[in-house]
Amino acid sequence: MPVDIIVVLLIILGIVVVLRGPKTLPKWGEALGQAVRGARTEATKAQGEIQKRLDEPDSTDDEARPSA
């Protein structure tokens, strides 16, 4: 099943290269690389923020509990 998807994507890529020309491929590659790099950077930032929040002691739980 995954091989079929790869074959279809390669055929689509071939059609796009023929229609748009090979001169636009480097621009597309650069844009794709920047998008992947940006996504990785944001994922790393989000992971760091989540880890930071997990490591902090949660003082809101103490305030939310009614005193006995």
N, C-alpha and C. Protein backbone atom coordinates (compact mmCIF):
# COMPACT_ATOMS: atom_id res chain seq x y z
N MET A 1 0.81 -1.20 0.00
CA MET A 1 0.00 0.00 0.00
C MET A 1 0.86 1.27 0.00
N PRO A 2 1.85 1.42 0.90
CA PRO A 2 2.66 2.63 0.89
C PRO A 2 3.45 2.79 -0.42
N VAL A 3 3.79 1.68 -1.07
CA VAL A 3 4.53 1.77 -2.32
C VAL A 3 3.67 2.44 -3.38
N ASP A 4 2.38 2.16 -3.38
CA ASP A 4 1.46 2.79 -4.33
C ASP A 4 1.44 4.30 -4.15
N ILE A 5 1.43 4.75 -2.92
CA ILE A 5 1.40 6.18 -2.63
C ILE A 5 2.69 6.84 -3.12
N ILE A 6 3.82 6.19 -2.90
CA ILE A 6 5.10 6.74 -3.34
C ILE A 6 5.14 6.84 -4.86
N VAL A 7 4.64 5.83 -5.55
CA VAL A 7 4.62 5.86 -7.01
C VAL A 7 3.75 7.00 -7.51
N VAL A 8 2.59 7.18 -6.91
CA VAL A 8 1.69 8.27 -7.32
C VAL A 8 2.36 9.62 -7.08
N LEU A 9 3.00 9.79 -5.93
CA LEU A 9 3.67 11.05 -5.64
C LEU A 9 4.81 11.33 -6.62
N LEU A 10 5.55 10.30 -7.00
CA LEU A 10 6.62 10.48 -7.98
C LEU A 10 6.07 10.86 -9.35
N ILE A 11 4.96 10.27 -9.72
CA ILE A 11 4.33 10.64 -11.00
C ILE A 11 3.87 12.09 -10.96
N ILE A 12 3.25 12.50 -9.87
CA ILE A 12 2.81 13.89 -9.73
C ILE A 12 4.00 14.83 -9.77
N LEU A 13 5.09 14.47 -9.10
CA LEU A 13 6.30 15.29 -9.12
C LEU A 13 6.84 15.41 -10.54
N GLY A 14 6.83 14.32 -11.28
CA GLY A 14 7.29 14.36 -12.67
C GLY A 14 6.44 15.28 -13.52
N ILE A 15 5.13 15.23 -13.35
CA ILE A 15 4.23 16.11 -14.10
C ILE A 15 4.48 17.57 -13.75
N VAL A 16 4.67 17.85 -12.46
CA VAL A 16 4.93 19.22 -12.02
C VAL A 16 6.24 19.74 -12.61
N VAL A 17 7.27 18.90 -12.63
CA VAL A 17 8.56 19.32 -13.19
C VAL A 17 8.41 19.64 -14.68
N VAL A 18 7.66 18.82 -15.38
CA VAL A 18 7.47 19.07 -16.81
C VAL A 18 6.68 20.35 -17.03
N LEU A 19 5.64 20.58 -16.25
CA LEU A 19 4.80 21.75 -16.44
C LEU A 19 5.45 23.04 -15.97
N ARG A 20 6.09 23.00 -14.82
CA ARG A 20 6.67 24.22 -14.24
C ARG A 20 8.11 24.46 -14.65
N GLY A 21 8.80 23.44 -15.04
CA GLY A 21 10.19 23.58 -15.43
C GLY A 21 11.12 23.34 -14.26
N PRO A 22 12.31 22.87 -14.55
CA PRO A 22 13.25 22.54 -13.47
C PRO A 22 13.84 23.75 -12.76
N LYS A 23 13.66 24.94 -13.29
CA LYS A 23 14.24 26.13 -12.66
C LYS A 23 13.55 26.50 -11.35
N THR A 24 12.30 26.09 -11.19
CA THR A 24 11.56 26.46 -9.97
C THR A 24 11.80 25.48 -8.83
N LEU A 25 12.36 24.31 -9.13
CA LEU A 25 12.56 23.31 -8.07
C LEU A 25 13.49 23.78 -6.95
N PRO A 26 14.60 24.45 -7.23
CA PRO A 26 15.43 24.93 -6.12
C PRO A 26 14.69 25.90 -5.19
N LYS A 27 13.84 26.74 -5.76
CA LYS A 27 13.06 27.67 -4.93
C LYS A 27 12.10 26.89 -4.03
N TRP A 28 11.47 25.86 -4.60
CA TRP A 28 10.54 25.04 -3.81
C TRP A 28 11.28 24.28 -2.73
N GLY A 29 12.46 23.78 -3.07
CA GLY A 29 13.26 23.06 -2.08
C GLY A 29 13.68 23.95 -0.93
N GLU A 30 14.07 25.18 -1.28
CA GLU A 30 14.47 26.13 -0.25
C GLU A 30 13.28 26.48 0.66
N ALA A 31 12.13 26.71 0.05
CA ALA A 31 10.94 27.03 0.84
C ALA A 31 10.55 25.86 1.74
N LEU A 32 10.63 24.64 1.21
CA LEU A 32 10.31 23.47 2.01
C LEU A 32 11.30 23.30 3.16
N GLY A 33 12.57 23.53 2.89
CA GLY A 33 13.59 23.44 3.94
C GLY A 33 13.37 24.46 5.04
N GLN A 34 13.02 25.68 4.66
CA GLN A 34 12.74 26.71 5.66
C GLN A 34 11.52 26.35 6.49
N ALA A 35 10.50 25.78 5.84
CA ALA A 35 9.29 25.40 6.57
C ALA A 35 9.60 24.29 7.57
N VAL A 36 10.38 23.30 7.16
CA VAL A 36 10.73 22.20 8.06
C VAL A 36 11.59 22.72 9.21
N ARG A 37 12.54 23.58 8.90
CA ARG A 37 13.41 24.15 9.93
C ARG A 37 12.58 24.96 10.94
N GLY A 38 11.64 25.75 10.44
CA GLY A 38 10.77 26.54 11.33
C GLY A 38 9.91 25.65 12.21
N ALA A 39 9.38 24.58 11.63
CA ALA A 39 8.54 23.67 12.40
C ALA A 39 9.35 22.99 13.49
N ARG A 40 10.57 22.59 13.18
CA ARG A 40 11.42 21.95 14.19
C ARG A 40 11.76 22.92 15.31
N THR A 41 12.05 24.17 14.95
CA THR A 41 12.37 25.18 15.96
C THR A 41 11.20 25.41 16.90
N GLU A 42 10.01 25.56 16.33
CA GLU A 42 8.82 25.79 17.16
C GLU A 42 8.49 24.57 18.01
N ALA A 43 8.69 23.37 17.46
CA ALA A 43 8.43 22.16 18.25
C ALA A 43 9.39 22.07 19.42
N THR A 44 10.64 22.44 19.20
CA THR A 44 11.63 22.42 20.28
C THR A 44 11.28 23.44 21.35
N LYS A 45 10.84 24.63 20.92
CA LYS A 45 10.43 25.66 21.88
C LYS A 45 9.24 25.19 22.70
N ALA A 46 8.26 24.60 22.03
CA ALA A 46 7.06 24.12 22.73
C ALA A 46 7.41 23.01 23.70
N GLN A 47 8.29 22.10 23.28
CA GLN A 47 8.70 21.01 24.16
C GLN A 47 9.44 21.56 25.38
N GLY A 48 10.28 22.55 25.19
CA GLY A 48 10.99 23.16 26.31
C GLY A 48 10.03 23.85 27.27
N GLU A 49 9.03 24.53 26.73
CA GLU A 49 8.04 25.21 27.57
C GLU A 49 7.22 24.20 28.36
N ILE A 50 6.84 23.12 27.73
CA ILE A 50 6.09 22.08 28.44
C ILE A 50 6.93 21.47 29.55
N GLN A 51 8.18 21.18 29.25
CA GLN A 51 9.07 20.60 30.26
C GLN A 51 9.28 21.56 31.41
N LYS A 52 9.41 22.85 31.08
CA LYS A 52 9.60 23.86 32.12
C LYS A 52 8.38 23.93 33.03
N ARG A 53 7.19 23.84 32.45
CA ARG A 53 5.97 23.89 33.26
C ARG A 53 5.82 22.62 34.10
N LEU A 54 6.26 21.49 33.59
CA LEU A 54 6.18 20.25 34.35
C LEU A 54 7.16 20.24 35.52
N ASP A 55 8.31 20.91 35.35
CA ASP A 55 9.32 20.93 36.39
C ASP A 55 9.01 21.92 37.50
N GLU A 56 8.18 22.95 37.22
CA GLU A 56 7.86 23.94 38.23
C GLU A 56 6.89 23.36 39.26
N PRO A 57 7.08 23.71 40.53
CA PRO A 57 6.08 23.28 41.52
C PRO A 57 4.79 24.05 41.26
N ASP A 58 3.69 23.37 41.36
CA ASP A 58 2.40 23.97 41.04
C ASP A 58 1.80 24.58 42.30
N SER A 59 1.88 25.90 42.43
CA SER A 59 1.37 26.57 43.63
C SER A 59 -0.13 26.81 43.53
N THR A 60 -0.72 26.69 42.34
CA THR A 60 -2.15 26.93 42.21
C THR A 60 -2.96 25.82 42.87
N ASP A 61 -2.41 24.60 42.96
CA ASP A 61 -3.13 23.52 43.63
C ASP A 61 -3.27 23.82 45.12
N ASP A 62 -2.25 24.39 45.73
CA ASP A 62 -2.30 24.69 47.15
C ASP A 62 -3.34 25.78 47.44
N GLU A 63 -3.43 26.77 46.55
CA GLU A 63 -4.37 27.87 46.75
C GLU A 63 -5.80 27.43 46.49
N ALA A 64 -6.01 26.46 45.62
CA ALA A 64 -7.33 26.02 45.25
C ALA A 64 -7.96 25.13 46.32
N ARG A 65 -7.15 24.51 47.15
CA ARG A 65 -7.68 23.61 48.18
C ARG A 65 -8.27 24.42 49.33
N PRO A 66 -9.43 24.04 49.79
CA PRO A 66 -9.99 24.74 50.95
C PRO A 66 -9.23 24.37 52.21
N SER A 67 -9.05 25.34 53.08
CA SER A 67 -8.35 25.07 54.32
C SER A 67 -9.29 24.38 55.31
N ALA A 68 -8.77 23.45 56.07
CA ALA A 68 -9.60 22.67 56.99
C ALA A 68 -9.70 23.29 58.34
